[in-house]
């Protein structure tokens, strides 16, 4: 490799690749904004259905508009029988994220609007996917355990239906409220890996189902959607508060990470984590087991102290840290943590796909085509001479 060849393996960190009106992350101040609104306010005052409308339509809904959206979601949560048949045909040990990625393209086959390159058609397709992911995730959890899927109810909202279809029993109102808040907090986060994937695919003029299926594939990686699973695995490995210091010491000594601490953007505590933490504690009290919240809280405190003492630096908690203990306390299986992330983030993905294809600059889309720095000087400064197979 030429010594002057630039090394560009930065993961695009710090690079601005497009303009967006959807959300903003202020890492220095710890602010997350959806369409101009602080997520902390939205989490306290709105519902996930309102966030769907806000992200897709660029404004909060009126009462009749929200009622119309809820009715549409109610209808679209009732999956076509072909989707259930396809899931029934899968091996029961198929990872849930693979199931989601496989089923989203099947949703496209029942969408009469898929060939229409119009904004309103894409809006309808987005609602179809948002509703469908909720039902696919819960249906697969039951199918893989030898149970029949539970059909959605029109008297429950998105969060309530998810918990109801997952467990087959009426969820506690307080649990529904907490889950609804968790969906809001995970709904959008600017150009993260899966969102960038969705926009990249959308820029080719692929339809929204293809873009979101690709985003699910990106989210399935353990460094993205699987992060809260690794937090929960860490908590289980630690097991009790008297093992925390030993665990942290070993991780820091080996150069390892403390899962759930640190973020690519935030330079303070993630504002979403500050909302999730008390929810995790409360759900633990409702279920009679606060162990995992208490362990999380103690790991956070001691890890921050250790980083300050050993590395002379501050480290901050991110969204995955307390979502792990929250979802676990709710009885959500660990391998459904990432699908739950997808069930929430899908409205953000859809908003980005629509923005990529219909908004801001014209003409749209402008195909994403980054360059690369070739460093494969295999034959010195000259090109390699091809040697026929029989002469090698």
Protein backbone atom coordinates (compact mmCIF):
# COMPACT_ATOMS: atom_id res chain seq x y z
CA UNK A 1 0.00 0.00 0.00
CA UNK A 2 1.30 3.45 -0.91
CA UNK A 3 2.15 5.41 2.24
CA UNK A 4 0.19 8.37 0.90
CA UNK A 5 -3.00 6.36 0.40
CA UNK A 6 -5.66 7.82 2.73
CA UNK A 7 -7.37 5.50 5.16
CA UNK A 8 -11.10 6.06 4.93
CA UNK A 9 -12.43 3.26 7.13
CA UNK A 10 -14.38 5.62 9.37
CA UNK A 11 -17.85 4.13 9.02
CA UNK A 12 -18.97 7.50 7.62
CA UNK A 13 -18.81 8.96 11.13
CA UNK A 14 -18.93 12.72 10.91
CA UNK A 15 -19.93 12.63 7.24
CA UNK A 16 -23.19 14.31 6.27
CA UNK A 17 -24.68 12.40 3.35
CA UNK A 18 -28.12 13.98 2.95
CA UNK A 19 -30.55 16.57 4.28
CA UNK A 20 -33.55 15.58 6.36
CA UNK A 21 -36.55 17.20 8.04
CA UNK A 22 -37.41 14.11 10.08
CA UNK A 23 -35.25 14.18 13.19
CA UNK A 24 -32.16 15.66 14.77
CA UNK A 25 -29.77 14.30 17.38
CA UNK A 26 -27.85 16.88 19.40
CA UNK A 27 -25.15 14.78 21.01
CA UNK A 28 -23.62 17.59 23.04
CA UNK A 29 -26.88 18.65 24.68
CA UNK A 30 -28.52 15.22 24.79
CA UNK A 31 -31.53 16.26 22.74
CA UNK A 32 -33.49 14.10 20.30
CA UNK A 33 -36.04 15.90 18.13
CA UNK A 34 -38.80 14.44 15.93
CA UNK A 35 -40.08 16.99 13.39
CA UNK A 36 -39.20 19.85 15.74
CA UNK A 37 -40.57 18.24 18.94
CA UNK A 38 -38.40 17.06 21.83
CA UNK A 39 -38.78 13.31 22.23
CA UNK A 40 -39.03 13.80 26.00
CA UNK A 41 -42.22 15.82 25.49
CA UNK A 42 -43.63 13.37 22.95
CA UNK A 43 -42.97 10.40 25.24
CA UNK A 44 -44.86 12.09 28.05
CA UNK A 45 -47.77 13.59 26.13
CA UNK A 46 -48.43 11.63 22.92
CA UNK A 47 -49.11 8.11 21.67
CA UNK A 48 -47.22 5.93 19.23
CA UNK A 49 -50.01 6.37 16.68
CA UNK A 50 -49.51 10.14 16.87
CA UNK A 51 -45.79 9.62 16.26
CA UNK A 52 -46.56 7.54 13.16
CA UNK A 53 -48.65 10.40 11.81
CA UNK A 54 -46.07 13.02 12.79
CA UNK A 55 -43.15 11.23 11.15
CA UNK A 56 -45.06 10.39 7.98
CA UNK A 57 -47.10 13.59 7.61
CA UNK A 58 -44.75 16.17 9.17
CA UNK A 59 -47.29 17.38 11.74
CA UNK A 60 -49.35 16.12 14.65
CA UNK A 61 -52.80 14.77 13.75
CA UNK A 62 -56.21 16.23 14.41
CA UNK A 63 -58.72 14.02 16.26
CA UNK A 64 -60.45 12.78 13.11
CA UNK A 65 -57.11 12.10 11.40
CA UNK A 66 -55.86 10.09 14.38
CA UNK A 67 -59.09 8.09 14.48
CA UNK A 68 -58.73 7.35 10.76
CA UNK A 69 -55.13 6.19 11.21
CA UNK A 70 -56.07 3.96 14.14
CA UNK A 71 -58.85 2.38 12.10
CA UNK A 72 -56.45 1.77 9.22
CA UNK A 73 -53.90 0.18 11.56
CA UNK A 74 -56.64 -2.00 13.05
CA UNK A 75 -57.52 -3.29 9.60
CA UNK A 76 -53.94 -3.82 8.45
CA UNK A 77 -52.94 -5.72 11.59
CA UNK A 78 -55.17 -8.53 10.31
CA UNK A 79 -52.60 -10.38 8.23
CA UNK A 80 -53.41 -12.20 4.99
CA UNK A 81 -53.64 -15.96 5.51
CA UNK A 82 -50.68 -16.43 3.16
CA UNK A 83 -48.41 -14.77 5.72
CA UNK A 84 -49.47 -17.19 8.45
CA UNK A 85 -49.00 -20.11 6.04
CA UNK A 86 -45.49 -18.93 5.18
CA UNK A 87 -44.54 -18.69 8.85
CA UNK A 88 -46.01 -22.10 9.57
CA UNK A 89 -43.71 -23.54 6.90
CA UNK A 90 -40.55 -22.17 8.52
CA UNK A 91 -38.32 -24.20 10.87
CA UNK A 92 -39.23 -23.35 14.44
CA UNK A 93 -35.68 -22.30 15.25
CA UNK A 94 -35.59 -19.62 12.56
CA UNK A 95 -34.33 -16.38 14.21
CA UNK A 96 -37.18 -13.89 14.61
CA UNK A 97 -35.34 -11.13 12.73
CA UNK A 98 -34.94 -13.45 9.74
CA UNK A 99 -38.67 -14.11 9.87
CA UNK A 100 -39.45 -10.40 9.84
CA UNK A 101 -37.11 -9.78 6.94
CA UNK A 102 -38.64 -12.64 4.99
CA UNK A 103 -42.26 -11.67 5.64
CA UNK A 104 -42.10 -7.98 4.73
CA UNK A 105 -41.71 -8.68 0.98
CA UNK A 106 -44.72 -11.01 1.23
CA UNK A 107 -46.78 -8.13 2.58
CA UNK A 108 -46.04 -6.35 -0.69
CA UNK A 109 -47.91 -8.95 -2.74
CA UNK A 110 -51.22 -7.94 -1.20
CA UNK A 111 -50.63 -4.22 -1.63
CA UNK A 112 -52.59 -2.79 -4.54
CA UNK A 113 -50.62 0.47 -4.29
CA UNK A 114 -47.14 -0.99 -4.70
CA UNK A 115 -46.73 -0.07 -8.39
CA UNK A 116 -48.02 3.46 -7.91
CA UNK A 117 -45.14 5.92 -7.66
CA UNK A 118 -47.17 8.46 -5.73
CA UNK A 119 -46.78 9.94 -2.28
CA UNK A 120 -50.19 8.88 -0.95
CA UNK A 121 -49.69 5.34 -2.21
CA UNK A 122 -46.40 5.11 -0.32
CA UNK A 123 -48.11 6.48 2.79
CA UNK A 124 -50.66 3.66 2.62
CA UNK A 125 -47.92 1.10 2.06
CA UNK A 126 -46.06 2.47 5.09
CA UNK A 127 -49.11 1.95 7.32
CA UNK A 128 -49.48 -1.56 5.94
CA UNK A 129 -45.90 -2.41 6.94
CA UNK A 130 -46.14 -0.71 10.35
CA UNK A 131 -49.25 -2.70 11.21
CA UNK A 132 -47.94 -5.89 9.64
CA UNK A 133 -44.67 -5.99 11.58
CA UNK A 134 -46.59 -5.85 14.86
CA UNK A 135 -48.66 -8.89 13.91
CA UNK A 136 -45.81 -10.84 12.29
CA UNK A 137 -43.61 -10.51 15.37
CA UNK A 138 -46.28 -11.67 17.81
CA UNK A 139 -47.55 -14.42 15.50
CA UNK A 140 -44.09 -15.91 15.09
CA UNK A 141 -43.52 -16.00 18.84
CA UNK A 142 -46.66 -18.11 19.20
CA UNK A 143 -46.17 -20.26 16.10
CA UNK A 144 -42.63 -21.25 17.07
CA UNK A 145 -43.95 -22.31 20.49
CA UNK A 146 -46.71 -24.48 19.02
CA UNK A 147 -49.51 -22.00 19.69
CA UNK A 148 -52.07 -20.41 17.42
CA UNK A 149 -51.58 -16.73 16.62
CA UNK A 150 -53.86 -14.35 18.51
CA UNK A 151 -55.95 -12.08 16.32
CA UNK A 152 -55.81 -8.30 16.99
CA UNK A 153 -58.59 -6.39 18.68
CA UNK A 154 -60.09 -3.15 17.45
CA UNK A 155 -60.49 -1.79 20.97
CA UNK A 156 -56.73 -1.83 21.61
CA UNK A 157 -54.09 0.48 20.21
CA UNK A 158 -50.79 -0.52 18.67
CA UNK A 159 -48.94 -1.06 21.94
CA UNK A 160 -51.89 -2.82 23.58
CA UNK A 161 -52.40 -5.11 20.61
CA UNK A 162 -48.74 -6.09 20.56
CA UNK A 163 -48.80 -7.19 24.21
CA UNK A 164 -52.20 -8.85 23.80
CA UNK A 165 -51.23 -10.79 20.67
CA UNK A 166 -47.91 -11.77 22.23
CA UNK A 167 -49.33 -13.19 25.47
CA UNK A 168 -52.94 -13.96 24.58
CA UNK A 169 -54.32 -12.14 27.60
CA UNK A 170 -55.42 -8.61 28.43
CA UNK A 171 -52.37 -6.46 29.22
CA UNK A 172 -52.33 -4.21 32.26
CA UNK A 173 -53.07 -0.60 31.27
CA UNK A 174 -49.88 0.60 32.95
CA UNK A 175 -47.85 -1.95 30.96
CA UNK A 176 -49.50 -0.76 27.75
CA UNK A 177 -48.59 2.82 28.60
CA UNK A 178 -44.96 1.90 29.27
CA UNK A 179 -44.69 -0.14 26.08
CA UNK A 180 -46.28 2.67 24.10
CA UNK A 181 -43.67 5.06 25.51
CA UNK A 182 -40.88 2.63 24.61
CA UNK A 183 -42.18 2.51 21.04
CA UNK A 184 -42.11 6.30 20.86
CA UNK A 185 -38.55 6.45 22.16
CA UNK A 186 -37.30 3.93 19.59
CA UNK A 187 -39.30 5.26 16.63
CA UNK A 188 -36.61 7.39 15.00
CA UNK A 189 -32.96 8.33 15.41
CA UNK A 190 -31.74 10.08 12.26
CA UNK A 191 -29.17 8.34 10.01
CA UNK A 192 -28.37 5.28 12.10
CA UNK A 193 -27.21 2.11 10.30
CA UNK A 194 -30.63 0.66 9.48
CA UNK A 195 -32.12 4.01 8.45
CA UNK A 196 -29.18 4.71 6.16
CA UNK A 197 -29.68 1.24 4.69
CA UNK A 198 -33.35 1.98 4.01
CA UNK A 199 -32.51 5.28 2.32
CA UNK A 200 -29.74 3.70 0.26
CA UNK A 201 -32.15 1.09 -1.09
CA UNK A 202 -34.89 3.69 -1.60
CA UNK A 203 -32.48 5.80 -3.65
CA UNK A 204 -32.43 3.04 -6.29
CA UNK A 205 -36.21 3.48 -6.72
CA UNK A 206 -36.88 0.14 -5.12
CA UNK A 207 -40.30 0.03 -3.45
CA UNK A 208 -40.77 0.69 0.25
CA UNK A 209 -41.08 -3.00 1.16
CA UNK A 210 -37.63 -3.73 -0.29
CA UNK A 211 -36.12 -0.76 1.56
CA UNK A 212 -37.60 -1.74 4.91
CA UNK A 213 -36.71 -5.39 4.48
CA UNK A 214 -33.11 -4.28 3.97
CA UNK A 215 -33.31 -2.07 7.06
CA UNK A 216 -34.43 -5.06 9.12
CA UNK A 217 -31.38 -6.95 7.88
CA UNK A 218 -29.17 -4.11 9.06
CA UNK A 219 -30.92 -3.96 12.42
CA UNK A 220 -30.36 -7.69 12.96
CA UNK A 221 -26.63 -7.13 13.53
CA UNK A 222 -25.53 -7.32 17.14
CA UNK A 223 -23.83 -3.93 16.99
CA UNK A 224 -27.14 -2.26 16.10
CA UNK A 225 -30.47 -3.80 17.08
CA UNK A 226 -28.87 -6.55 19.15
CA UNK A 227 -27.19 -4.20 21.58
CA UNK A 228 -29.86 -4.45 24.30
CA UNK A 229 -29.70 -8.25 24.04
CA UNK A 230 -26.01 -8.03 24.85
CA UNK A 231 -26.83 -5.74 27.78
CA UNK A 232 -29.18 -8.37 29.17
CA UNK A 233 -26.58 -11.10 28.60
CA UNK A 234 -24.09 -8.96 30.50
CA UNK A 235 -26.50 -8.51 33.42
CA UNK A 236 -27.11 -12.25 33.56
CA UNK A 237 -23.39 -12.95 33.46
CA UNK A 238 -22.79 -10.55 36.35
CA UNK A 239 -25.70 -12.06 38.26
CA UNK A 240 -25.43 -10.11 41.50
CA UNK A 241 -24.14 -6.77 42.78
CA UNK A 242 -21.12 -8.32 44.52
CA UNK A 243 -19.77 -9.43 41.12
CA UNK A 244 -20.04 -6.04 39.40
CA UNK A 245 -16.60 -4.67 40.28
CA UNK A 246 -14.83 -7.85 39.18
CA UNK A 247 -16.72 -7.86 35.88
CA UNK A 248 -15.96 -4.20 35.15
CA UNK A 249 -12.29 -4.65 36.07
CA UNK A 250 -11.91 -7.60 33.71
CA UNK A 251 -13.64 -5.78 30.86
CA UNK A 252 -11.53 -2.67 31.23
CA UNK A 253 -8.32 -4.66 31.65
CA UNK A 254 -8.99 -6.58 28.44
CA UNK A 255 -10.05 -3.50 26.49
CA UNK A 256 -13.64 -4.75 26.28
CA UNK A 257 -16.87 -2.79 26.33
CA UNK A 258 -19.45 -2.32 29.04
CA UNK A 259 -22.57 -2.89 26.99
CA UNK A 260 -25.10 -0.08 27.07
CA UNK A 261 -22.50 2.55 27.92
CA UNK A 262 -21.15 4.88 25.27
CA UNK A 263 -22.71 6.07 22.03
CA UNK A 264 -21.52 7.13 18.58
CA UNK A 265 -23.30 10.49 18.89
CA UNK A 266 -24.27 11.36 22.48
CA UNK A 267 -21.69 13.07 24.69
CA UNK A 268 -24.06 13.01 27.68
CA UNK A 269 -26.55 10.44 28.92
CA UNK A 270 -28.97 9.39 26.18
CA UNK A 271 -32.24 11.28 26.86
CA UNK A 272 -34.19 8.11 26.07
CA UNK A 273 -32.35 6.16 28.75
CA UNK A 274 -33.37 8.73 31.35
CA UNK A 275 -37.03 7.99 30.55
CA UNK A 276 -36.62 4.21 30.32
CA UNK A 277 -34.82 3.81 33.65
CA UNK A 278 -37.77 4.68 35.97
CA UNK A 279 -40.07 2.66 33.70
CA UNK A 280 -37.83 -0.37 34.19
CA UNK A 281 -37.95 0.11 37.95
CA UNK A 282 -41.75 0.46 37.97
CA UNK A 283 -42.36 -2.60 35.80
CA UNK A 284 -40.07 -4.58 38.10
CA UNK A 285 -42.23 -3.54 41.03
CA UNK A 286 -45.42 -4.49 39.18
CA UNK A 287 -44.07 -7.95 38.39
CA UNK A 288 -42.47 -8.40 41.81
CA UNK A 289 -38.87 -8.60 40.59
CA UNK A 290 -36.74 -5.45 40.61
CA UNK A 291 -33.44 -7.38 40.47
CA UNK A 292 -32.57 -6.48 36.90
CA UNK A 293 -33.34 -2.80 37.28
CA UNK A 294 -31.35 -2.61 40.50
CA UNK A 295 -28.43 -4.46 38.93
CA UNK A 296 -28.55 -2.17 35.90
CA UNK A 297 -28.54 0.92 38.07
CA UNK A 298 -25.58 -0.30 40.09
CA UNK A 299 -23.60 -1.34 37.00
CA UNK A 300 -24.17 2.11 35.51
CA UNK A 301 -22.96 3.86 38.65
CA UNK A 302 -19.88 1.72 39.19
CA UNK A 303 -18.88 1.61 35.54
CA UNK A 304 -19.00 5.39 35.32
CA UNK A 305 -16.84 5.60 38.44
CA UNK A 306 -14.36 3.08 37.02
CA UNK A 307 -14.05 4.91 33.70
CA UNK A 308 -13.47 8.18 35.54
CA UNK A 309 -10.81 6.66 37.80
CA UNK A 310 -8.96 4.49 35.29
CA UNK A 311 -9.34 6.31 31.99
CA UNK A 312 -9.85 9.85 33.23
CA UNK A 313 -12.95 10.13 31.09
CA UNK A 314 -16.71 10.21 31.41
CA UNK A 315 -18.91 7.57 29.80
CA UNK A 316 -22.63 7.80 29.33
CA UNK A 317 -25.58 5.45 29.34
CA UNK A 318 -27.42 4.80 26.06
CA UNK A 319 -30.95 3.69 25.15
CA UNK A 320 -30.08 -0.02 25.12
CA UNK A 321 -28.98 -0.06 28.75
CA UNK A 322 -32.41 0.25 30.36
CA UNK A 323 -34.54 -1.04 27.48
CA UNK A 324 -32.96 -4.44 28.20
CA UNK A 325 -34.22 -4.72 31.78
CA UNK A 326 -37.53 -3.07 30.83
CA UNK A 327 -38.38 -5.54 28.07
CA UNK A 328 -37.15 -8.48 30.15
CA UNK A 329 -39.35 -7.43 33.07
CA UNK A 330 -42.29 -7.22 30.65
CA UNK A 331 -41.77 -10.89 29.81
CA UNK A 332 -40.57 -10.25 26.26
CA UNK A 333 -38.14 -13.02 25.18
CA UNK A 334 -34.60 -11.75 24.65
CA UNK A 335 -34.50 -12.74 21.00
CA UNK A 336 -37.57 -10.54 20.43
CA UNK A 337 -35.79 -7.40 21.67
CA UNK A 338 -34.56 -6.60 18.16
CA UNK A 339 -37.95 -7.34 16.55
CA UNK A 340 -39.54 -4.99 19.09
CA UNK A 341 -36.99 -2.39 18.01
CA UNK A 342 -38.12 -2.99 14.40
CA UNK A 343 -41.80 -2.76 15.35
CA UNK A 344 -41.05 0.70 16.72
CA UNK A 345 -38.44 1.99 14.26
CA UNK A 346 -40.42 0.97 11.16
CA UNK A 347 -42.34 4.26 11.13
CA UNK A 348 -39.04 6.14 11.14
CA UNK A 349 -37.71 3.97 8.31
CA UNK A 350 -40.88 4.58 6.32
CA UNK A 351 -40.61 8.33 6.83
CA UNK A 352 -37.04 8.28 5.55
CA UNK A 353 -37.93 6.16 2.51
CA UNK A 354 -40.73 8.58 1.65
CA UNK A 355 -38.47 11.59 2.19
CA UNK A 356 -35.76 10.02 0.04
CA UNK A 357 -38.16 9.38 -2.81
CA UNK A 358 -40.54 12.33 -2.68
CA UNK A 359 -39.19 15.24 -0.66
CA UNK A 360 -36.56 17.96 -0.41
CA UNK A 361 -34.62 18.12 -3.68
CA UNK A 362 -35.72 17.36 -7.21
CA UNK A 363 -35.31 15.12 -9.02
CA UNK A 364 -35.53 12.35 -6.45
CA UNK A 365 -34.00 9.98 -5.72
CA UNK A 366 -30.36 10.81 -6.35
CA UNK A 367 -28.76 7.38 -6.30
CA UNK A 368 -26.33 6.88 -3.42
CA UNK A 369 -22.96 5.98 -4.92
CA UNK A 370 -20.02 6.56 -2.57
CA UNK A 371 -16.46 6.19 -3.75
CA UNK A 372 -13.75 3.99 -2.28
CA UNK A 373 -9.98 4.11 -1.96
CA UNK A 374 -8.51 1.02 -3.61
CA UNK A 375 -5.52 -0.34 -1.64
CA UNK A 376 -5.11 -3.72 -3.37
CA UNK A 377 -1.66 -3.29 -4.90
CA UNK A 378 -1.13 -7.04 -5.30
CA UNK A 379 1.48 -6.84 -8.09
CA UNK A 380 3.31 -3.69 -7.06
CA UNK A 381 2.60 -0.45 -8.90
CA UNK A 382 1.54 -2.31 -12.08
CA UNK A 383 -1.53 -4.36 -12.89
CA UNK A 384 -1.29 -8.13 -12.39
CA UNK A 385 -0.65 -10.32 -15.44
CA UNK A 386 -3.33 -12.97 -15.77
CA UNK A 387 -1.93 -16.53 -15.96
CA UNK A 388 -4.22 -19.12 -17.63
CA UNK A 389 -5.56 -21.82 -15.31
CA UNK A 390 -3.48 -24.67 -16.79
CA UNK A 391 -0.27 -22.71 -16.41
CA UNK A 392 -0.57 -21.79 -12.74
